[in-house]
Amino acid sequence: VARVETGALCRVGWGTSGASLQLGHCEQSFGYGATGKKSTGGQFSDYGVPFRAGDVVTSLYDGPAGTIGFHVNGRDQGVAFTVPSWLRGVPLFPHILTKDARVAVDFGGSTEDPEKP
């Protein structure tokens, strides 16, 4: 769960240990940006609602199903990606890319509802 605290130029998602630091710019990473676009392999397409400072973005990876999806402020944006078969079984790690933004991250240790802004 990522809470955008300031700015909004950020992208959240998942990538392999060998992925580019530019989330969504290679085929080994999958991102959802503040503009509402999703990206992988350098290809950007419309996906969900735009988000901004004060919003909470949850990034969900279902390994057995091979799908990645996102929530914004608790609202499901649907499946964004199906991980290609050649990446199944390869570990994916949470990844956040920012520019002039501050993001707080919760990996499940908070006692608050993490999806409420």
PDB file of N, CA and C in Angstrom:
ATOM      1  N   VAL A   1       0.853  -1.165   0.000  1.00  0.00           N
ATOM      2  CA  VAL A   1       0.000   0.000   0.000  1.00  0.00           C
ATOM      3  C   VAL A   1       0.896   1.224   0.000  1.00  0.00           C
ATOM      4  N   ALA A   2       0.642   2.153  -0.920  1.00  0.00           N
ATOM      5  CA  ALA A   2       1.412   3.387  -1.005  1.00  0.00           C
ATOM      6  C   ALA A   2       0.472   4.575  -0.822  1.00  0.00           C
ATOM      7  N   ARG A   3       0.793   5.436   0.142  1.00  0.00           N
ATOM      8  CA  ARG A   3       0.030   6.657   0.360  1.00  0.00           C
ATOM      9  C   ARG A   3       0.837   7.805  -0.244  1.00  0.00           C
ATOM     10  N   VAL A   4       0.273   8.466  -1.260  1.00  0.00           N
ATOM     11  CA  VAL A   4       0.951   9.584  -1.907  1.00  0.00           C
ATOM     12  C   VAL A   4       0.811  10.790  -0.986  1.00  0.00           C
ATOM     13  N   GLU A   5       1.930  11.273  -0.438  1.00  0.00           N
ATOM     14  CA  GLU A   5       1.872  12.354   0.535  1.00  0.00           C
ATOM     15  C   GLU A   5       2.026  13.724  -0.107  1.00  0.00           C
ATOM     16  N   THR A   6       2.946  13.865  -1.020  1.00  0.00           N
ATOM     17  CA  THR A   6       3.132  15.140  -1.717  1.00  0.00           C
ATOM     18  C   THR A   6       3.411  14.849  -3.182  1.00  0.00           C
ATOM     19  N   GLY A   7       3.101  15.819  -4.027  1.00  0.00           N
ATOM     20  CA  GLY A   7       3.305  15.620  -5.456  1.00  0.00           C
ATOM     21  C   GLY A   7       2.406  14.514  -5.952  1.00  0.00           C
ATOM     22  N   ALA A   8       2.544  14.156  -7.192  1.00  0.00           N
ATOM     23  CA  ALA A   8       1.760  13.036  -7.709  1.00  0.00           C
ATOM     24  C   ALA A   8       2.472  12.367  -8.865  1.00  0.00           C
ATOM     25  N   LEU A   9       3.686  12.773  -9.148  1.00  0.00           N
ATOM     26  CA  LEU A   9       4.405  12.132 -10.235  1.00  0.00           C
ATOM     27  C   LEU A   9       5.027  10.845  -9.712  1.00  0.00           C
ATOM     28  N   CYS A  10       4.222   9.802  -9.724  1.00  0.00           N
ATOM     29  CA  CYS A  10       4.733   8.520  -9.255  1.00  0.00           C
ATOM     30  C   CYS A  10       4.042   7.389  -9.983  1.00  0.00           C
ATOM     31  N   ARG A  11       4.685   6.254  -9.919  1.00  0.00           N
ATOM     32  CA  ARG A  11       4.171   5.028 -10.525  1.00  0.00           C
ATOM     33  C   ARG A  11       4.431   3.917  -9.517  1.00  0.00           C
ATOM     34  N   VAL A  12       3.456   3.059  -9.300  1.00  0.00           N
ATOM     35  CA  VAL A  12       3.609   1.946  -8.367  1.00  0.00           C
ATOM     36  C   VAL A  12       3.390   0.639  -9.123  1.00  0.00           C
ATOM     37  N   GLY A  13       3.995  -0.430  -8.632  1.00  0.00           N
ATOM     38  CA  GLY A  13       3.801  -1.718  -9.296  1.00  0.00           C
ATOM     39  C   GLY A  13       4.791  -2.755  -8.833  1.00  0.00           C
ATOM     40  N   TRP A  14       5.174  -3.607  -9.783  1.00  0.00           N
ATOM     41  CA  TRP A  14       5.996  -4.775  -9.509  1.00  0.00           C
ATOM     42  C   TRP A  14       7.063  -4.943 -10.578  1.00  0.00           C
ATOM     43  N   GLY A  15       8.212  -5.496 -10.176  1.00  0.00           N
ATOM     44  CA  GLY A  15       9.272  -5.782 -11.138  1.00  0.00           C
ATOM     45  C   GLY A  15      10.186  -6.884 -10.628  1.00  0.00           C
ATOM     46  N   THR A  16      10.912  -7.494 -11.537  1.00  0.00           N
ATOM     47  CA  THR A  16      11.895  -8.513 -11.164  1.00  0.00           C
ATOM     48  C   THR A  16      13.150  -7.830 -10.646  1.00  0.00           C
ATOM     49  N   SER A  17      14.056  -8.613 -10.087  1.00  0.00           N
ATOM     50  CA  SER A  17      15.320  -8.041  -9.588  1.00  0.00           C
ATOM     51  C   SER A  17      16.169  -7.505 -10.739  1.00  0.00           C
ATOM     52  N   GLY A  18      15.925  -7.962 -11.954  1.00  0.00           N
ATOM     53  CA  GLY A  18      16.689  -7.495 -13.106  1.00  0.00           C
ATOM     54  C   GLY A  18      16.007  -6.400 -13.905  1.00  0.00           C
ATOM     55  N   ALA A  19      14.846  -5.936 -13.433  1.00  0.00           N
ATOM     56  CA  ALA A  19      14.087  -4.916 -14.169  1.00  0.00           C
ATOM     57  C   ALA A  19      14.771  -3.562 -14.093  1.00  0.00           C
ATOM     58  N   SER A  20      14.499  -2.743 -15.080  1.00  0.00           N
ATOM     59  CA  SER A  20      14.965  -1.359 -15.092  1.00  0.00           C
ATOM     60  C   SER A  20      14.375  -0.611 -13.897  1.00  0.00           C
ATOM     61  N   LEU A  21      15.106   0.357 -13.380  1.00  0.00           N
ATOM     62  CA  LEU A  21      14.573   1.195 -12.301  1.00  0.00           C
ATOM     63  C   LEU A  21      13.431   2.088 -12.801  1.00  0.00           C
ATOM     64  N   GLN A  22      13.320   2.258 -14.106  1.00  0.00           N
ATOM     65  CA  GLN A  22      12.226   3.013 -14.703  1.00  0.00           C
ATOM     66  C   GLN A  22      11.018   2.092 -14.825  1.00  0.00           C
ATOM     67  N   LEU A  23      10.240   2.015 -13.761  1.00  0.00           N
ATOM     68  CA  LEU A  23       9.114   1.089 -13.669  1.00  0.00           C
ATOM     69  C   LEU A  23       8.203   1.171 -14.889  1.00  0.00           C
ATOM     70  N   GLY A  24       7.960   0.007 -15.504  1.00  0.00           N
ATOM     71  CA  GLY A  24       7.086  -0.067 -16.672  1.00  0.00           C
ATOM     72  C   GLY A  24       7.786   0.156 -17.993  1.00  0.00           C
ATOM     73  N   HIS A  25       9.095   0.400 -17.956  1.00  0.00           N
ATOM     74  CA  HIS A  25       9.831   0.666 -19.196  1.00  0.00           C
ATOM     75  C   HIS A  25      10.480  -0.572 -19.785  1.00  0.00           C
ATOM     76  N   CYS A  26      10.411  -1.706 -19.072  1.00  0.00           N
ATOM     77  CA  CYS A  26      10.946  -2.950 -19.633  1.00  0.00           C
ATOM     78  C   CYS A  26       9.893  -4.037 -19.444  1.00  0.00           C
ATOM     79  N   GLU A  27      10.102  -5.167 -20.083  1.00  0.00           N
ATOM     80  CA  GLU A  27       9.118  -6.252 -20.040  1.00  0.00           C
ATOM     81  C   GLU A  27       9.127  -7.012 -18.719  1.00  0.00           C
ATOM     82  N   GLN A  28      10.037  -6.630 -17.808  1.00  0.00           N
ATOM     83  CA  GLN A  28      10.107  -7.300 -16.507  1.00  0.00           C
ATOM     84  C   GLN A  28       9.510  -6.457 -15.385  1.00  0.00           C
ATOM     85  N   SER A  29       8.786  -5.382 -15.741  1.00  0.00           N
ATOM     86  CA  SER A  29       8.141  -4.569 -14.716  1.00  0.00           C
ATOM     87  C   SER A  29       6.783  -4.091 -15.205  1.00  0.00           C
ATOM     88  N   PHE A  30       5.904  -3.833 -14.215  1.00  0.00           N
ATOM     89  CA  PHE A  30       4.502  -3.530 -14.488  1.00  0.00           C
ATOM     90  C   PHE A  30       4.078  -2.383 -13.575  1.00  0.00           C
ATOM     91  N   GLY A  31       3.707  -1.247 -14.139  1.00  0.00           N
ATOM     92  CA  GLY A  31       3.402  -0.084 -13.331  1.00  0.00           C
ATOM     93  C   GLY A  31       2.059   0.548 -13.616  1.00  0.00           C
ATOM     94  N   TYR A  32       1.579   1.293 -12.635  1.00  0.00           N
ATOM     95  CA  TYR A  32       0.340   2.073 -12.720  1.00  0.00           C
ATOM     96  C   TYR A  32       0.681   3.477 -12.240  1.00  0.00           C
ATOM     97  N   GLY A  33       0.497   4.460 -13.121  1.00  0.00           N
ATOM     98  CA  GLY A  33       0.912   5.817 -12.823  1.00  0.00           C
ATOM     99  C   GLY A  33      -0.220   6.747 -12.429  1.00  0.00           C
ATOM    100  N   ALA A  34       0.168   7.882 -11.862  1.00  0.00           N
ATOM    101  CA  ALA A  34      -0.780   8.883 -11.375  1.00  0.00           C
ATOM    102  C   ALA A  34      -1.674   9.438 -12.488  1.00  0.00           C
ATOM    103  N   THR A  35      -1.290   9.261 -13.726  1.00  0.00           N
ATOM    104  CA  THR A  35      -2.117   9.721 -14.852  1.00  0.00           C
ATOM    105  C   THR A  35      -3.261   8.756 -15.166  1.00  0.00           C
ATOM    106  N   GLY A  36      -3.263   7.586 -14.484  1.00  0.00           N
ATOM    107  CA  GLY A  36      -4.287   6.578 -14.743  1.00  0.00           C
ATOM    108  C   GLY A  36      -3.875   5.583 -15.814  1.00  0.00           C
ATOM    109  N   LYS A  37      -2.626   5.676 -16.259  1.00  0.00           N
ATOM    110  CA  LYS A  37      -2.143   4.747 -17.290  1.00  0.00           C
ATOM    111  C   LYS A  37      -1.344   3.613 -16.657  1.00  0.00           C
ATOM    112  N   LYS A  38      -1.396   2.459 -17.304  1.00  0.00           N
ATOM    113  CA  LYS A  38      -0.568   1.326 -16.909  1.00  0.00           C
ATOM    114  C   LYS A  38       0.554   1.209 -17.936  1.00  0.00           C
ATOM    115  N   SER A  39       1.664   0.583 -17.522  1.00  0.00           N
ATOM    116  CA  SER A  39       2.780   0.455 -18.461  1.00  0.00           C
ATOM    117  C   SER A  39       3.594  -0.799 -18.180  1.00  0.00           C
ATOM    118  N   THR A  40       4.065  -1.374 -19.268  1.00  0.00           N
ATOM    119  CA  THR A  40       5.034  -2.468 -19.246  1.00  0.00           C
ATOM    120  C   THR A  40       5.715  -2.470 -20.607  1.00  0.00           C
ATOM    121  N   GLY A  41       6.982  -2.815 -20.627  1.00  0.00           N
ATOM    122  CA  GLY A  41       7.710  -2.857 -21.888  1.00  0.00           C
ATOM    123  C   GLY A  41       7.750  -1.511 -22.607  1.00  0.00           C
ATOM    124  N   GLY A  42       7.611  -0.415 -21.857  1.00  0.00           N
ATOM    125  CA  GLY A  42       7.634   0.922 -22.458  1.00  0.00           C
ATOM    126  C   GLY A  42       6.339   1.313 -23.157  1.00  0.00           C
ATOM    127  N   GLN A  43       5.325   0.472 -23.054  1.00  0.00           N
ATOM    128  CA  GLN A  43       4.027   0.748 -23.676  1.00  0.00           C
ATOM    129  C   GLN A  43       3.049   1.227 -22.600  1.00  0.00           C
ATOM    130  N   PHE A  44       2.447   2.388 -22.822  1.00  0.00           N
ATOM    131  CA  PHE A  44       1.512   2.978 -21.878  1.00  0.00           C
ATOM    132  C   PHE A  44       0.107   2.922 -22.463  1.00  0.00           C
ATOM    133  N   SER A  45      -0.875   2.559 -21.619  1.00  0.00           N
ATOM    134  CA  SER A  45      -2.259   2.532 -22.088  1.00  0.00           C
ATOM    135  C   SER A  45      -3.200   2.914 -20.947  1.00  0.00           C
ATOM    136  N   ASP A  46      -4.383   3.401 -21.312  1.00  0.00           N
ATOM    137  CA  ASP A  46      -5.378   3.789 -20.323  1.00  0.00           C
ATOM    138  C   ASP A  46      -5.744   2.586 -19.472  1.00  0.00           C
ATOM    139  N   TYR A  47      -5.942   2.836 -18.167  1.00  0.00           N
ATOM    140  CA  TYR A  47      -6.281   1.731 -17.277  1.00  0.00           C
ATOM    141  C   TYR A  47      -7.289   2.151 -16.206  1.00  0.00           C
ATOM    142  N   GLY A  48      -6.856   2.910 -15.217  1.00  0.00           N
ATOM    143  CA  GLY A  48      -7.712   3.231 -14.075  1.00  0.00           C
ATOM    144  C   GLY A  48      -7.867   4.721 -13.880  1.00  0.00           C
ATOM    145  N   VAL A  49      -8.338   5.090 -12.690  1.00  0.00           N
ATOM    146  CA  VAL A  49      -8.516   6.505 -12.378  1.00  0.00           C
ATOM    147  C   VAL A  49      -7.157   7.135 -12.095  1.00  0.00           C
ATOM    148  N   PRO A  50      -7.000   8.408 -12.419  1.00  0.00           N
ATOM    149  CA  PRO A  50      -5.782   9.116 -12.007  1.00  0.00           C
ATOM    150  C   PRO A  50      -5.762   9.233 -10.477  1.00  0.00           C
ATOM    151  N   PHE A  51      -4.571   9.341  -9.889  1.00  0.00           N
ATOM    152  CA  PHE A  51      -4.467   9.559  -8.449  1.00  0.00           C
ATOM    153  C   PHE A  51      -3.529  10.725  -8.173  1.00  0.00           C
ATOM    154  N   ARG A  52      -3.641  11.265  -6.943  1.00  0.00           N
ATOM    155  CA  ARG A  52      -2.871  12.469  -6.589  1.00  0.00           C
ATOM    156  C   ARG A  52      -2.508  12.424  -5.103  1.00  0.00           C
ATOM    157  N   ALA A  53      -1.861  13.476  -4.618  1.00  0.00           N
ATOM    158  CA  ALA A  53      -1.498  13.566  -3.209  1.00  0.00           C
ATOM    159  C   ALA A  53      -2.734  13.359  -2.351  1.00  0.00           C
ATOM    160  N   GLY A  54      -2.583  12.546  -1.311  1.00  0.00           N
ATOM    161  CA  GLY A  54      -3.682  12.211  -0.413  1.00  0.00           C
ATOM    162  C   GLY A  54      -4.337  10.887  -0.739  1.00  0.00           C
ATOM    163  N   ASP A  55      -4.088  10.352  -1.914  1.00  0.00           N
ATOM    164  CA  ASP A  55      -4.687   9.081  -2.311  1.00  0.00           C
ATOM    165  C   ASP A  55      -3.833   7.904  -1.838  1.00  0.00           C
ATOM    166  N   VAL A  56      -4.503   6.754  -1.698  1.00  0.00           N
ATOM    167  CA  VAL A  56      -3.839   5.514  -1.305  1.00  0.00           C
ATOM    168  C   VAL A  56      -3.966   4.526  -2.459  1.00  0.00           C
ATOM    169  N   VAL A  57      -2.826   4.016  -2.910  1.00  0.00           N
ATOM    170  CA  VAL A  57      -2.793   3.069  -4.026  1.00  0.00           C
ATOM    171  C   VAL A  57      -2.300   1.724  -3.493  1.00  0.00           C
ATOM    172  N   THR A  58      -3.095   0.693  -3.722  1.00  0.00           N
ATOM    173  CA  THR A  58      -2.734  -0.660  -3.319  1.00  0.00           C
ATOM    174  C   THR A  58      -2.404  -1.454  -4.574  1.00  0.00           C
ATOM    175  N   SER A  59      -1.256  -2.110  -4.548  1.00  0.00           N
ATOM    176  CA  SER A  59      -0.794  -2.899  -5.682  1.00  0.00           C
ATOM    177  C   SER A  59      -0.900  -4.375  -5.313  1.00  0.00           C
ATOM    178  N   LEU A  60      -1.624  -5.144  -6.116  1.00  0.00           N
ATOM    179  CA  LEU A  60      -1.918  -6.542  -5.798  1.00  0.00           C
ATOM    180  C   LEU A  60      -1.340  -7.484  -6.856  1.00  0.00           C
ATOM    181  N   TYR A  61      -0.550  -8.444  -6.397  1.00  0.00           N
ATOM    182  CA  TYR A  61      -0.003  -9.457  -7.304  1.00  0.00           C
ATOM    183  C   TYR A  61      -0.523 -10.818  -6.869  1.00  0.00           C
ATOM    184  N   ASP A  62      -1.249 -11.490  -7.735  1.00  0.00           N
ATOM    185  CA  ASP A  62      -1.755 -12.836  -7.483  1.00  0.00           C
ATOM    186  C   ASP A  62      -0.848 -13.806  -8.237  1.00  0.00           C
ATOM    187  N   GLY A  63       0.140 -14.356  -7.542  1.00  0.00           N
ATOM    188  CA  GLY A  63       1.115 -15.238  -8.169  1.00  0.00           C
ATOM    189  C   GLY A  63       0.516 -16.450  -8.856  1.00  0.00           C
ATOM    190  N   PRO A  64      -0.353 -17.215  -8.162  1.00  0.00           N
ATOM    191  CA  PRO A  64      -0.927 -18.401  -8.808  1.00  0.00           C
ATOM    192  C   PRO A  64      -1.726 -18.071 -10.076  1.00  0.00           C
ATOM    193  N   ALA A  65      -2.456 -16.961 -10.068  1.00  0.00           N
ATOM    194  CA  ALA A  65      -3.241 -16.572 -11.245  1.00  0.00           C
ATOM    195  C   ALA A  65      -2.394 -15.815 -12.266  1.00  0.00           C
ATOM    196  N   GLY A  66      -1.251 -15.269 -11.814  1.00  0.00           N
ATOM    197  CA  GLY A  66      -0.385 -14.513 -12.714  1.00  0.00           C
ATOM    198  C   GLY A  66      -0.969 -13.165 -13.105  1.00  0.00           C
ATOM    199  N   THR A  67      -1.715 -12.534 -12.184  1.00  0.00           N
ATOM    200  CA  THR A  67      -2.337 -11.246 -12.503  1.00  0.00           C
ATOM    201  C   THR A  67      -1.878 -10.162 -11.536  1.00  0.00           C
ATOM    202  N   ILE A  68      -1.910  -8.935 -12.029  1.00  0.00           N
ATOM    203  CA  ILE A  68      -1.572  -7.754 -11.237  1.00  0.00           C
ATOM    204  C   ILE A  68      -2.726  -6.767 -11.372  1.00  0.00           C
ATOM    205  N   GLY A  69      -3.157  -6.233 -10.243  1.00  0.00           N
ATOM    206  CA  GLY A  69      -4.222  -5.237 -10.240  1.00  0.00           C
ATOM    207  C   GLY A  69      -3.940  -4.172  -9.200  1.00  0.00           C
ATOM    208  N   PHE A  70      -4.783  -3.165  -9.148  1.00  0.00           N
ATOM    209  CA  PHE A  70      -4.579  -2.026  -8.248  1.00  0.00           C
ATOM    210  C   PHE A  70      -5.911  -1.555  -7.681  1.00  0.00           C
ATOM    211  N   HIS A  71      -5.847  -0.962  -6.499  1.00  0.00           N
ATOM    212  CA  HIS A  71      -6.971  -0.259  -5.891  1.00  0.00           C
ATOM    213  C   HIS A  71      -6.531   1.184  -5.667  1.00  0.00           C
ATOM    214  N   VAL A  72      -7.449   2.123  -5.782  1.00  0.00           N
ATOM    215  CA  VAL A  72      -7.196   3.513  -5.404  1.00  0.00           C
ATOM    216  C   VAL A  72      -8.244   3.867  -4.358  1.00  0.00           C
ATOM    217  N   ASN A  73      -7.767   4.226  -3.165  1.00  0.00           N
ATOM    218  CA  ASN A  73      -8.648   4.540  -2.036  1.00  0.00           C
ATOM    219  C   ASN A  73      -9.673   3.427  -1.804  1.00  0.00           C
ATOM    220  N   GLY A  74      -9.224   2.178  -1.961  1.00  0.00           N
ATOM    221  CA  GLY A  74     -10.080   1.028  -1.717  1.00  0.00           C
ATOM    222  C   GLY A  74     -10.947   0.608  -2.888  1.00  0.00           C
ATOM    223  N   ARG A  75     -10.944   1.376  -3.972  1.00  0.00           N
ATOM    224  CA  ARG A  75     -11.764   1.034  -5.147  1.00  0.00           C
ATOM    225  C   ARG A  75     -10.944   0.208  -6.129  1.00  0.00           C
ATOM    226  N   ASP A  76     -11.431  -0.997  -6.417  1.00  0.00           N
ATOM    227  CA  ASP A  76     -10.759  -1.925  -7.330  1.00  0.00           C
ATOM    228  C   ASP A  76     -10.736  -1.349  -8.742  1.00  0.00           C
ATOM    229  N   GLN A  77      -9.556  -1.294  -9.336  1.00  0.00           N
ATOM    230  CA  GLN A  77      -9.404  -0.815 -10.710  1.00  0.00           C
ATOM    231  C   GLN A  77      -9.400  -1.967 -11.721  1.00  0.00           C
ATOM    232  N   GLY A  78      -9.499  -3.192 -11.223  1.00  0.00           N
ATOM    233  CA  GLY A  78      -9.527  -4.354 -12.104  1.00  0.00           C
ATOM    234  C   GLY A  78      -8.137  -4.889 -12.400  1.00  0.00           C
ATOM    235  N   VAL A  79      -8.093  -5.959 -13.167  1.00  0.00           N
ATOM    236  CA  VAL A  79      -6.816  -6.569 -13.558  1.00  0.00           C
ATOM    237  C   VAL A  79      -6.143  -5.668 -14.587  1.00  0.00           C
ATOM    238  N   ALA A  80      -4.908  -5.298 -14.293  1.00  0.00           N
ATOM    239  CA  ALA A  80      -4.138  -4.452 -15.205  1.00  0.00           C
ATOM    240  C   ALA A  80      -3.249  -5.281 -16.124  1.00  0.00           C
ATOM    241  N   PHE A  81      -2.687  -6.355 -15.579  1.00  0.00           N
ATOM    242  CA  PHE A  81      -1.722  -7.157 -16.338  1.00  0.00           C
ATOM    243  C   PHE A  81      -1.915  -8.640 -16.052  1.00  0.00           C
ATOM    244  N   THR A  82      -1.621  -9.439 -17.057  1.00  0.00           N
ATOM    245  CA  THR A  82      -1.414 -10.867 -16.881  1.00  0.00           C
ATOM    246  C   THR A  82       0.075 -11.087 -17.132  1.00  0.00           C
ATOM    247  N   VAL A  83       0.764 -11.601 -16.138  1.00  0.00           N
ATOM    248  CA  VAL A  83       2.206 -11.811 -16.239  1.00  0.00           C
ATOM    249  C   VAL A  83       2.473 -12.867 -17.303  1.00  0.00           C
ATOM    250  N   PRO A  84       3.388 -12.585 -18.260  1.00  0.00           N
ATOM    251  CA  PRO A  84       3.666 -13.565 -19.319  1.00  0.00           C
ATOM    252  C   PRO A  84       4.217 -14.877 -18.754  1.00  0.00           C
ATOM    253  N   SER A  85       3.957 -15.949 -19.454  1.00  0.00           N
ATOM    254  CA  SER A  85       4.341 -17.283 -18.973  1.00  0.00           C
ATOM    255  C   SER A  85       5.839 -17.389 -18.692  1.00  0.00           C
ATOM    256  N   TRP A  86       6.670 -16.701 -19.459  1.00  0.00           N
ATOM    257  CA  TRP A  86       8.111 -16.803 -19.251  1.00  0.00           C
ATOM    258  C   TRP A  86       8.561 -16.138 -17.942  1.00  0.00           C
ATOM    259  N   LEU A  87       7.680 -15.329 -17.321  1.00  0.00           N
ATOM    260  CA  LEU A  87       8.013 -14.710 -16.038  1.00  0.00           C
ATOM    261  C   LEU A  87       7.340 -15.405 -14.859  1.00  0.00           C
ATOM    262  N   ARG A  88       6.476 -16.376 -15.134  1.00  0.00           N
ATOM    263  CA  ARG A  88       5.810 -17.098 -14.043  1.00  0.00           C
ATOM    264  C   ARG A  88       6.867 -17.849 -13.238  1.00  0.00           C
ATOM    265  N   GLY A  89       6.788 -17.740 -11.946  1.00  0.00           N
ATOM    266  CA  GLY A  89       7.766 -18.388 -11.079  1.00  0.00           C
ATOM    267  C   GLY A  89       8.974 -17.514 -10.779  1.00  0.00           C
ATOM    268  N   VAL A  90       9.139 -16.401 -11.500  1.00  0.00           N
ATOM    269  CA  VAL A  90      10.222 -15.461 -11.215  1.00  0.00           C
ATOM    270  C   VAL A  90       9.707 -14.495 -10.149  1.00  0.00           C
ATOM    271  N   PRO A  91      10.464 -14.281  -9.064  1.00  0.00           N
ATOM    272  CA  PRO A  91       9.984 -13.377  -8.020  1.00  0.00           C
ATOM    273  C   PRO A  91       9.761 -11.960  -8.539  1.00  0.00           C
ATOM    274  N   LEU A  92       8.635 -11.365  -8.143  1.00  0.00           N
ATOM    275  CA  LEU A  92       8.344  -9.967  -8.421  1.00  0.00           C
ATOM    276  C   LEU A  92       8.389  -9.205  -7.101  1.00  0.00           C
ATOM    277  N   PHE A  93       8.941  -8.005  -7.142  1.00  0.00           N
ATOM    278  CA  PHE A  93       9.125  -7.188  -5.950  1.00  0.00           C
ATOM    279  C   PHE A  93       8.344  -5.887  -6.087  1.00  0.00           C
ATOM    280  N   PRO A  94       7.819  -5.362  -4.961  1.00  0.00           N
ATOM    281  CA  PRO A  94       7.147  -4.060  -5.023  1.00  0.00           C
ATOM    282  C   PRO A  94       8.119  -3.006  -5.535  1.00  0.00           C
ATOM    283  N   HIS A  95       7.610  -2.084  -6.335  1.00  0.00           N
ATOM    284  CA  HIS A  95       8.449  -1.074  -6.970  1.00  0.00           C
ATOM    285  C   HIS A  95       7.670   0.230  -7.016  1.00  0.00           C
ATOM    286  N   ILE A  96       8.318   1.323  -6.628  1.00  0.00           N
ATOM    287  CA  ILE A  96       7.720   2.658  -6.714  1.00  0.00           C
ATOM    288  C   ILE A  96       8.721   3.567  -7.391  1.00  0.00           C
ATOM    289  N   LEU A  97       8.252   4.305  -8.384  1.00  0.00           N
ATOM    290  CA  LEU A  97       9.064   5.277  -9.108  1.00  0.00           C
ATOM    291  C   LEU A  97       8.473   6.656  -8.835  1.00  0.00           C
ATOM    292  N   THR A  98       9.288   7.606  -8.379  1.00  0.00           N
ATOM    293  CA  THR A  98       8.773   8.942  -8.081  1.00  0.00           C
ATOM    294  C   THR A  98       9.623  10.028  -8.711  1.00  0.00           C
ATOM    295  N   LYS A  99       8.999  11.178  -8.902  1.00  0.00           N
ATOM    296  CA  LYS A  99       9.695  12.402  -9.300  1.00  0.00           C
ATOM    297  C   LYS A  99       8.991  13.535  -8.572  1.00  0.00           C
ATOM    298  N   ASP A 100       9.714  14.190  -7.672  1.00  0.00           N
ATOM    299  CA  ASP A 100       9.148  15.292  -6.889  1.00  0.00           C
ATOM    300  C   ASP A 100       7.901  14.867  -6.131  1.00  0.00           C
ATOM    301  N   ALA A 101       7.917  13.678  -5.563  1.00  0.00           N
ATOM    302  CA  ALA A 101       6.793  13.177  -4.781  1.00  0.00           C
ATOM    303  C   ALA A 101       7.329  12.456  -3.556  1.00  0.00           C
ATOM    304  N   ARG A 102       6.523  12.433  -2.511  1.00  0.00           N
ATOM    305  CA  ARG A 102       6.862  11.662  -1.319  1.00  0.00           C
ATOM    306  C   ARG A 102       5.742  10.652  -1.100  1.00  0.00           C
ATOM    307  N   VAL A 103       6.137   9.404  -0.877  1.00  0.00           N
ATOM    308  CA  VAL A 103       5.181   8.311  -0.737  1.00  0.00           C
ATOM    309  C   VAL A 103       5.498   7.545   0.545  1.00  0.00           C
ATOM    310  N   ALA A 104       4.469   7.281   1.360  1.00  0.00           N
ATOM    311  CA  ALA A 104       4.619   6.435   2.545  1.00  0.00           C
ATOM    312  C   ALA A 104       4.141   5.036   2.163  1.00  0.00           C
ATOM    313  N   VAL A 105       4.862   4.021   2.610  1.00  0.00           N
ATOM    314  CA  VAL A 105       4.555   2.640   2.229  1.00  0.00           C
ATOM    315  C   VAL A 105       4.169   1.842   3.469  1.00  0.00           C
ATOM    316  N   ASP A 106       3.152   1.005   3.335  1.00  0.00           N
ATOM    317  CA  ASP A 106       2.710   0.118   4.413  1.00  0.00           C
ATOM    318  C   ASP A 106       2.705  -1.307   3.871  1.00  0.00           C
ATOM    319  N   PHE A 107       3.535  -2.158   4.452  1.00  0.00           N
ATOM    320  CA  PHE A 107       3.604  -3.560   4.033  1.00  0.00           C
ATOM    321  C   PHE A 107       2.772  -4.461   4.940  1.00  0.00           C
ATOM    322  N   GLY A 108       1.759  -3.882   5.609  1.00  0.00           N
ATOM    323  CA  GLY A 108       0.849  -4.672   6.409  1.00  0.00           C
ATOM    324  C   GLY A 108       1.025  -4.532   7.899  1.00  0.00           C
ATOM    325  N   GLY A 109       1.904  -3.686   8.378  1.00  0.00           N
ATOM    326  CA  GLY A 109       2.142  -3.550   9.812  1.00  0.00           C
ATOM    327  C   GLY A 109       1.280  -2.513  10.499  1.00  0.00           C
ATOM    328  N   SER A 110       0.511  -1.729   9.746  1.00  0.00           N
ATOM    329  CA  SER A 110      -0.298  -0.664  10.326  1.00  0.00           C
ATOM    330  C   SER A 110      -1.569  -1.225  10.948  1.00  0.00           C
ATOM    331  N   THR A 111      -2.048  -0.559  12.002  1.00  0.00           N
ATOM    332  CA  THR A 111      -3.324  -0.957  12.615  1.00  0.00           C
ATOM    333  C   THR A 111      -4.490  -0.217  11.980  1.00  0.00           C
ATOM    334  N   GLU A 112      -4.201   0.795  11.164  1.00  0.00           N
ATOM    335  CA  GLU A 112      -5.259   1.534  10.462  1.00  0.00           C
ATOM    336  C   GLU A 112      -5.661   0.790   9.202  1.00  0.00           C
ATOM    337  N   ASP A 113      -6.840   1.123   8.661  1.00  0.00           N
ATOM    338  CA  ASP A 113      -7.244   0.582   7.369  1.00  0.00           C
ATOM    339  C   ASP A 113      -6.330   1.211   6.325  1.00  0.00           C
ATOM    340  N   PRO A 114      -5.443   0.428   5.721  1.00  0.00           N
ATOM    341  CA  PRO A 114      -4.447   1.008   4.828  1.00  0.00           C
ATOM    342  C   PRO A 114      -5.007   1.590   3.536  1.00  0.00           C
ATOM    343  N   GLU A 115      -6.253   1.247   3.171  1.00  0.00           N
ATOM    344  CA  GLU A 115      -6.768   1.736   1.904  1.00  0.00           C
ATOM    345  C   GLU A 115      -7.611   3.007   2.041  1.00  0.00           C
ATOM    346  N   LYS A 116      -7.693   3.563   3.243  1.00  0.00           N
ATOM    347  CA  LYS A 116      -8.432   4.816   3.423  1.00  0.00           C
ATOM    348  C   LYS A 116      -7.460   5.981   3.323  1.00  0.00           C
ATOM    349  N   PRO A 117      -7.809   6.982   2.510  1.00  0.00           N
ATOM    350  CA  PRO A 117      -6.916   8.144   2.371  1.00  0.00           C
ATOM    351  C   PRO A 117      -6.846   8.970   3.645  1.00  0.00           C
TER     352      PRO A 117
END
